[in-house]
Amino acid sequence: MKTENRLLSVVEHWLPRIEVAGIPSPTARAIIDRAGVWERWLQAWVEEGDLHAELGEQALQAGRRITAGEAFARASLLYHFGQFMAFDDLSAKQEVARKKVETFARAIPLLDPPGNAIAIPYEGGTLKAILRYPKAEGSLPVAIIIPGSDSTKEEFPAFEKHFLARGIATLSLDGPGQGEGREFGPLQPDISRAVQAAVDHLSSDESLNGQRGLIGMAFGGHLALRAAAIGGFTAVVSINGFFDLGDFWPDLPQVYHDNMRFSLGGDDTLERAKRFTLRETPHLDIPALILHGGRDKIFPPSEAERCMAIAGPGSVLEIFPEGNHVCNNISWKYRPLVADWLSEQFQHPL
């Protein structure tokens, strides 16, 4: 049996994502080189995160708020990518995730435009989200961004900027089982109630005009399509999502199976995976933009074609032959497309 080199496997699947999120390629590669082996991955990323957090403190003390905000946000990302696939020591993973959240909280008011930490009442607790308003006049549409199985709201500022630049507010939400939403247990097959709670919370915001888009990447792309069925959305975007997780479960890379054991919880992960399906999801009455990378080694491109079966009128399927998982190797192509398409749906709703 071939033995997996875990460090190389994580780098192969997720290095473009790390770079697109905001960690410069030379920095990411230097951290990986310093780690050398998987057993040092978490420590190496945390050490770099601590360095950038200290740079943020120094900048803040000097009154350099923009520099401080960038450094804190970067430190949070470094902590995030240290722990996102670290399942060997869950207490260490939890501690670094806590540092990620606390450090990002330092960055939120210093971002341009700034963010607001939001607590959304949900099932006896609260879901955590970041709300950002663009520098635009009048009432605004909003894009609700759903993370995947190992991503969280702290990963999204670089993605949010594409919407903010087009006059669209953003709400990046940790749903149940995602980021701070882990307090509600493992990832849930249907997060419609959580999305509805977010919509209800936003409905009293006089800065917003009632037009909403729902966007998800990878696992979040699947969850967004399922949650869009609750109604109240102008459009939905699924980026490298899937139709039925159980159907291609045996073909998932080993490193992703490790992810699933943590994200889905329980002993029988396959049975839990089979619950993540769109087979019973009603046909949507809104347009969907369904994007996928033709070179995705985690979720097959054929899953995007299957997702179109529930898409509403005016929907678009775009498979980029050169795209990898979540098309992070061509972010310059897919991210502006998503923001432009959603902006056009807000201007000309069905």
Protein backbone atom coordinates (compact mmCIF):
# COMPACT_ATOMS: atom_id res chain seq x y z
CA MET A 1 0.00 0.00 0.00
CA LYS A 2 1.30 3.44 -0.95
CA THR A 3 2.01 5.63 2.07
CA GLU A 4 0.66 9.18 1.83
CA ASN A 5 3.05 12.07 2.50
CA ARG A 6 0.53 14.19 4.36
CA LEU A 7 2.43 17.47 4.08
CA LEU A 8 2.87 17.12 0.32
CA SER A 9 -0.77 16.09 -0.08
CA VAL A 10 -2.05 19.13 1.81
CA VAL A 11 0.24 21.39 -0.22
CA GLU A 12 -0.88 19.83 -3.50
CA HIS A 13 -4.57 20.32 -2.80
CA TRP A 14 -4.59 23.61 -0.90
CA LEU A 15 -1.53 25.79 -1.60
CA PRO A 16 -3.37 27.88 -4.25
CA ARG A 17 -6.18 28.46 -1.74
CA ILE A 18 -3.69 29.63 0.89
CA GLU A 19 -2.16 32.09 -1.57
CA VAL A 20 -5.51 33.40 -2.87
CA ALA A 21 -6.74 34.00 0.68
CA GLY A 22 -3.94 36.49 1.23
CA ILE A 23 -0.72 34.69 2.21
CA PRO A 24 1.96 35.64 -0.37
CA SER A 25 3.40 32.65 -2.17
CA PRO A 26 7.00 33.19 -0.94
CA THR A 27 5.76 33.39 2.65
CA ALA A 28 3.63 30.25 2.36
CA ARG A 29 6.40 28.28 0.71
CA ALA A 30 8.97 29.42 3.28
CA ILE A 31 6.70 28.26 6.12
CA ILE A 32 6.20 24.89 4.45
CA ASP A 33 9.95 24.51 3.94
CA ARG A 34 10.59 25.34 7.60
CA ALA A 35 8.04 22.77 8.68
CA GLY A 36 9.66 20.10 6.52
CA VAL A 37 7.41 17.33 7.86
CA TRP A 38 3.73 17.19 8.73
CA GLU A 39 4.42 16.90 12.45
CA ARG A 40 5.80 20.47 12.40
CA TRP A 41 3.10 21.99 10.16
CA LEU A 42 0.98 23.51 12.93
CA GLN A 43 3.95 24.85 14.88
CA ALA A 44 5.52 26.48 11.82
CA TRP A 45 2.33 28.31 10.85
CA VAL A 46 1.69 29.43 14.42
CA GLU A 47 5.22 30.82 14.74
CA GLU A 48 4.69 32.87 11.59
CA GLY A 49 1.26 33.96 12.81
CA ASP A 50 2.73 35.17 16.09
CA LEU A 51 5.28 37.24 14.16
CA HIS A 52 2.61 39.00 12.12
CA ALA A 53 0.38 39.52 15.17
CA GLU A 54 3.30 41.29 16.84
CA LEU A 55 3.78 43.45 13.75
CA GLY A 56 0.11 44.39 14.09
CA GLU A 57 0.58 45.37 17.73
CA GLN A 58 3.58 47.52 16.88
CA ALA A 59 1.75 49.24 14.03
CA LEU A 60 -1.29 49.90 16.20
CA GLN A 61 0.85 51.45 18.94
CA ALA A 62 2.41 53.70 16.30
CA GLY A 63 -1.03 54.80 15.11
CA ARG A 64 -0.69 52.97 11.79
CA ARG A 65 -4.19 51.53 11.73
CA ILE A 66 -4.24 50.31 8.12
CA THR A 67 -0.96 48.46 8.54
CA ALA A 68 -2.16 47.04 11.85
CA GLY A 69 -5.41 45.78 10.33
CA GLU A 70 -3.60 44.08 7.48
CA ALA A 71 -1.12 42.44 9.86
CA PHE A 72 -3.83 41.15 12.22
CA ALA A 73 -5.88 39.78 9.32
CA ARG A 74 -2.78 38.10 7.89
CA ALA A 75 -1.87 36.62 11.28
CA SER A 76 -5.40 35.23 11.60
CA LEU A 77 -5.04 33.57 8.20
CA LEU A 78 -1.73 32.05 9.22
CA TYR A 79 -3.32 30.56 12.33
CA HIS A 80 -6.23 29.36 10.23
CA PHE A 81 -4.08 27.49 7.74
CA GLY A 82 -2.00 26.07 10.54
CA GLN A 83 -4.99 24.35 12.11
CA PHE A 84 -7.40 23.76 9.20
CA MET A 85 -6.17 20.24 8.42
CA ALA A 86 -4.53 19.48 11.80
CA PHE A 87 -6.53 16.62 13.30
CA ASP A 88 -3.81 14.75 15.21
CA ASP A 89 -4.12 16.89 18.35
CA LEU A 90 -7.61 18.35 18.57
CA SER A 91 -6.86 20.36 21.71
CA ALA A 92 -3.98 22.09 19.91
CA LYS A 93 -6.21 22.64 16.89
CA GLN A 94 -8.87 24.24 19.10
CA GLU A 95 -6.35 26.53 20.79
CA VAL A 96 -4.98 27.81 17.47
CA ALA A 97 -8.52 28.27 16.13
CA ARG A 98 -9.22 30.42 19.20
CA LYS A 99 -6.14 32.54 18.42
CA LYS A 100 -7.38 32.88 14.83
CA VAL A 101 -10.74 34.26 15.96
CA GLU A 102 -9.28 36.59 18.58
CA THR A 103 -6.69 37.99 16.21
CA PHE A 104 -9.24 38.55 13.45
CA ALA A 105 -11.39 40.44 15.95
CA ARG A 106 -8.49 42.90 16.23
CA ALA A 107 -8.50 43.30 12.44
CA ILE A 108 -12.24 43.72 11.85
CA PRO A 109 -12.61 47.44 12.74
CA LEU A 110 -9.37 48.26 10.89
CA LEU A 111 -10.32 46.70 7.55
CA ASP A 112 -11.13 48.92 4.57
CA PRO A 113 -14.08 49.04 4.61
CA PRO A 114 -14.38 47.97 8.25
CA GLY A 115 -16.35 44.97 9.40
CA ASN A 116 -18.87 44.42 12.15
CA ALA A 117 -18.90 41.27 14.27
CA ILE A 118 -22.48 39.97 14.31
CA ALA A 119 -24.09 37.49 16.72
CA ILE A 120 -27.21 35.86 15.23
CA PRO A 121 -29.63 34.13 17.64
CA TYR A 122 -29.90 30.45 16.73
CA GLU A 123 -31.19 27.41 18.62
CA GLY A 124 -30.38 28.71 22.09
CA GLY A 125 -26.99 30.10 21.11
CA THR A 126 -25.56 32.46 18.51
CA LEU A 127 -24.03 32.09 15.09
CA LYS A 128 -21.08 34.37 14.41
CA ALA A 129 -20.70 36.41 11.24
CA ILE A 130 -18.85 39.41 9.83
CA LEU A 131 -20.92 42.12 8.12
CA ARG A 132 -19.23 44.67 5.87
CA TYR A 133 -20.80 47.59 4.01
CA PRO A 134 -19.34 49.03 0.80
CA LYS A 135 -18.59 52.70 0.34
CA ALA A 136 -21.76 53.26 -1.67
CA GLU A 137 -24.80 55.49 -1.49
CA GLY A 138 -28.36 54.29 -0.95
CA SER A 139 -29.73 50.98 0.28
CA LEU A 140 -27.63 47.95 -0.55
CA PRO A 141 -27.99 44.35 -1.67
CA VAL A 142 -26.11 41.77 0.36
CA ALA A 143 -24.15 38.62 -0.44
CA ILE A 144 -24.28 35.93 2.27
CA ILE A 145 -21.11 33.82 2.03
CA ILE A 146 -21.14 30.22 3.28
CA PRO A 147 -17.83 28.48 4.16
CA GLY A 148 -16.97 24.89 3.32
CA SER A 149 -16.02 21.97 5.53
CA ASP A 150 -12.73 23.49 6.74
CA SER A 151 -13.02 27.18 5.81
CA THR A 152 -14.38 29.93 8.05
CA LYS A 153 -15.43 33.56 7.87
CA GLU A 154 -11.88 34.70 8.72
CA GLU A 155 -10.71 33.37 5.35
CA PHE A 156 -12.91 35.63 3.23
CA PRO A 157 -11.76 39.30 3.23
CA ALA A 158 -9.97 38.90 -0.12
CA PHE A 159 -13.13 37.34 -1.60
CA GLU A 160 -15.43 39.94 -0.04
CA LYS A 161 -13.60 42.82 -1.71
CA HIS A 162 -14.97 41.85 -5.13
CA PHE A 163 -18.54 42.38 -3.93
CA LEU A 164 -17.79 45.45 -1.85
CA ALA A 165 -16.19 47.10 -4.89
CA ARG A 166 -19.49 46.63 -6.75
CA GLY A 167 -21.67 48.16 -4.03
CA ILE A 168 -22.72 44.85 -2.45
CA ALA A 169 -22.60 44.34 1.32
CA THR A 170 -21.20 41.01 2.54
CA LEU A 171 -22.14 38.74 5.43
CA SER A 172 -19.61 35.94 5.92
CA LEU A 173 -21.28 33.37 8.16
CA ASP A 174 -19.94 30.51 10.24
CA GLY A 175 -22.84 28.07 9.98
CA PRO A 176 -23.40 25.06 12.27
CA GLY A 177 -20.23 22.97 12.33
CA GLN A 178 -18.17 25.68 10.63
CA GLY A 179 -15.59 27.74 12.53
CA GLU A 180 -17.21 29.18 15.63
CA GLY A 181 -20.36 27.29 14.69
CA ARG A 182 -18.66 24.09 15.84
CA GLU A 183 -20.38 24.67 19.18
CA PHE A 184 -23.53 23.35 17.48
CA GLY A 185 -21.83 20.06 16.65
CA PRO A 186 -20.45 18.71 13.37
CA LEU A 187 -21.36 19.93 9.90
CA GLN A 188 -25.07 19.65 9.13
CA PRO A 189 -26.44 18.40 5.78
CA ASP A 190 -29.03 21.17 5.69
CA ILE A 191 -28.20 24.61 7.10
CA SER A 192 -31.44 26.20 5.92
CA ARG A 193 -32.50 27.14 9.46
CA ALA A 194 -29.17 28.85 10.09
CA VAL A 195 -29.38 30.76 6.81
CA GLN A 196 -32.96 31.74 7.63
CA ALA A 197 -31.78 33.03 11.00
CA ALA A 198 -29.20 35.18 9.19
CA VAL A 199 -31.85 36.49 6.77
CA ASP A 200 -34.17 37.32 9.66
CA HIS A 201 -31.37 39.16 11.43
CA LEU A 202 -30.58 41.21 8.32
CA SER A 203 -34.23 42.03 7.61
CA SER A 204 -34.23 44.84 10.19
CA ASP A 205 -31.07 46.45 8.74
CA GLU A 206 -32.22 49.69 7.10
CA SER A 207 -28.97 49.90 5.12
CA LEU A 208 -30.04 46.86 3.08
CA ASN A 209 -32.67 46.82 0.33
CA GLY A 210 -33.91 43.25 0.69
CA GLN A 211 -32.05 41.80 -2.31
CA ARG A 212 -29.90 38.87 -1.22
CA GLY A 213 -27.50 36.49 -2.88
CA LEU A 214 -26.26 33.23 -1.37
CA ILE A 215 -22.74 32.08 -2.21
CA GLY A 216 -20.84 28.97 -1.21
CA MET A 217 -17.49 27.46 -2.09
CA ALA A 218 -16.71 23.72 -2.16
CA PHE A 219 -18.81 22.12 0.60
CA GLY A 220 -20.40 25.54 0.98
CA GLY A 221 -21.44 25.42 -2.67
CA HIS A 222 -23.52 22.34 -1.93
CA LEU A 223 -24.94 23.85 1.26
CA ALA A 224 -25.85 27.10 -0.52
CA LEU A 225 -27.88 25.31 -3.20
CA ARG A 226 -29.78 23.36 -0.58
CA ALA A 227 -30.40 26.41 1.63
CA ALA A 228 -31.50 28.60 -1.31
CA ALA A 229 -34.70 26.57 -1.43
CA ILE A 230 -36.01 28.45 1.63
CA GLY A 231 -36.74 31.42 -0.65
CA GLY A 232 -36.06 35.11 -0.21
CA PHE A 233 -32.97 35.16 -2.45
CA THR A 234 -32.40 36.90 -5.75
CA ALA A 235 -29.77 34.39 -6.89
CA VAL A 236 -27.40 31.69 -5.66
CA VAL A 237 -23.79 30.83 -6.55
CA SER A 238 -22.17 27.41 -6.11
CA ILE A 239 -18.41 27.24 -6.67
CA ASN A 240 -17.01 23.69 -7.01
CA GLY A 241 -19.83 22.22 -4.98
CA PHE A 242 -21.41 18.80 -5.45
CA PHE A 243 -24.77 17.08 -5.90
CA ASP A 244 -24.31 13.93 -3.81
CA LEU A 245 -21.28 13.33 -1.58
CA GLY A 246 -21.93 9.63 -1.11
CA ASP A 247 -21.77 8.91 -4.83
CA PHE A 248 -18.05 9.70 -5.12
CA TRP A 249 -17.01 9.03 -1.53
CA PRO A 250 -14.61 6.13 -2.37
CA ASP A 251 -12.69 8.35 -4.81
CA LEU A 252 -11.92 11.16 -2.35
CA PRO A 253 -8.22 11.69 -1.53
CA GLN A 254 -7.10 10.18 1.78
CA VAL A 255 -6.28 13.62 3.19
CA TYR A 256 -9.89 14.67 2.54
CA HIS A 257 -11.25 11.59 4.29
CA ASP A 258 -9.36 12.79 7.37
CA ASN A 259 -11.10 16.15 6.97
CA MET A 260 -14.49 14.43 6.73
CA ARG A 261 -14.03 12.35 9.88
CA PHE A 262 -13.63 15.60 11.83
CA SER A 263 -16.14 17.75 9.93
CA LEU A 264 -18.99 15.23 9.78
CA GLY A 265 -18.37 13.63 13.18
CA GLY A 266 -19.47 10.19 14.30
CA ASP A 267 -18.01 6.75 13.70
CA ASP A 268 -19.75 5.89 10.43
CA THR A 269 -18.56 8.76 8.26
CA LEU A 270 -19.86 7.24 5.03
CA GLU A 271 -23.41 7.05 6.33
CA ARG A 272 -23.17 10.68 7.42
CA ALA A 273 -21.73 11.64 4.02
CA LYS A 274 -24.75 10.12 2.26
CA ARG A 275 -26.97 12.73 3.95
CA PHE A 276 -25.26 15.47 1.94
CA THR A 277 -27.33 15.22 -1.20
CA LEU A 278 -29.56 17.45 -3.32
CA ARG A 279 -31.79 14.55 -4.40
CA GLU A 280 -34.73 15.80 -2.32
CA THR A 281 -34.04 19.53 -2.76
CA PRO A 282 -36.92 21.30 -4.55
CA HIS A 283 -36.29 22.84 -7.94
CA LEU A 284 -35.17 26.42 -7.36
CA ASP A 285 -37.13 29.35 -8.76
CA ILE A 286 -34.10 31.66 -8.88
CA PRO A 287 -31.08 31.69 -11.18
CA ALA A 288 -27.96 29.85 -10.09
CA LEU A 289 -24.39 30.36 -11.22
CA ILE A 290 -22.67 27.00 -10.95
CA LEU A 291 -18.91 27.09 -11.44
CA HIS A 292 -16.39 24.25 -11.34
CA GLY A 293 -12.78 23.51 -12.13
CA GLY A 294 -12.19 20.80 -14.69
CA ARG A 295 -9.06 19.67 -12.81
CA ASP A 296 -10.71 19.44 -9.39
CA LYS A 297 -9.23 16.34 -7.72
CA ILE A 298 -11.67 16.43 -4.79
CA PHE A 299 -15.18 17.06 -6.17
CA PRO A 300 -15.66 15.78 -9.75
CA PRO A 301 -16.70 18.37 -12.38
CA SER A 302 -19.61 16.09 -13.31
CA GLU A 303 -21.19 17.05 -9.97
CA ALA A 304 -21.64 20.61 -11.27
CA GLU A 305 -23.62 19.30 -14.23
CA ARG A 306 -25.84 17.33 -11.86
CA CYS A 307 -26.45 20.44 -9.74
CA MET A 308 -27.96 22.17 -12.77
CA ALA A 309 -30.90 19.76 -12.48
CA ILE A 310 -32.34 21.85 -9.62
CA ALA A 311 -31.28 25.27 -10.92
CA GLY A 312 -33.91 27.86 -11.76
CA PRO A 313 -34.52 29.84 -14.95
CA GLY A 314 -31.63 31.93 -16.20
CA SER A 315 -29.05 29.67 -14.55
CA VAL A 316 -25.51 29.36 -15.89
CA LEU A 317 -23.05 26.45 -15.79
CA GLU A 318 -19.36 27.30 -16.27
CA ILE A 319 -16.69 24.60 -16.09
CA PHE A 320 -13.16 25.97 -16.46
CA PRO A 321 -11.00 23.18 -17.95
CA GLU A 322 -7.84 24.53 -16.28
CA GLY A 323 -9.43 25.17 -12.87
CA ASN A 324 -8.45 23.22 -9.76
CA HIS A 325 -10.49 22.76 -6.57
CA VAL A 326 -12.53 25.97 -6.12
CA CYS A 327 -10.60 27.33 -9.14
CA ASN A 328 -8.10 28.96 -6.81
CA ASN A 329 -5.43 28.72 -9.51
CA ILE A 330 -7.54 31.05 -11.66
CA SER A 331 -9.09 33.26 -8.99
CA TRP A 332 -8.54 36.25 -11.27
CA LYS A 333 -11.07 34.67 -13.64
CA TYR A 334 -13.80 33.23 -11.45
CA ARG A 335 -14.05 35.77 -8.62
CA PRO A 336 -14.78 38.83 -10.79
CA LEU A 337 -17.22 36.70 -12.78
CA VAL A 338 -19.13 35.75 -9.62
CA ALA A 339 -19.28 39.35 -8.41
CA ASP A 340 -20.28 40.73 -11.82
CA TRP A 341 -22.95 38.08 -12.35
CA LEU A 342 -24.47 38.61 -8.91
CA SER A 343 -24.43 42.39 -9.37
CA GLU A 344 -26.33 41.95 -12.64
CA GLN A 345 -28.94 39.76 -10.96
CA PHE A 346 -29.52 42.48 -8.37
CA GLN A 347 -29.95 45.07 -11.11
CA HIS A 348 -32.36 42.94 -13.11
CA PRO A 349 -34.10 40.51 -10.72
CA LEU A 350 -36.63 38.05 -12.17
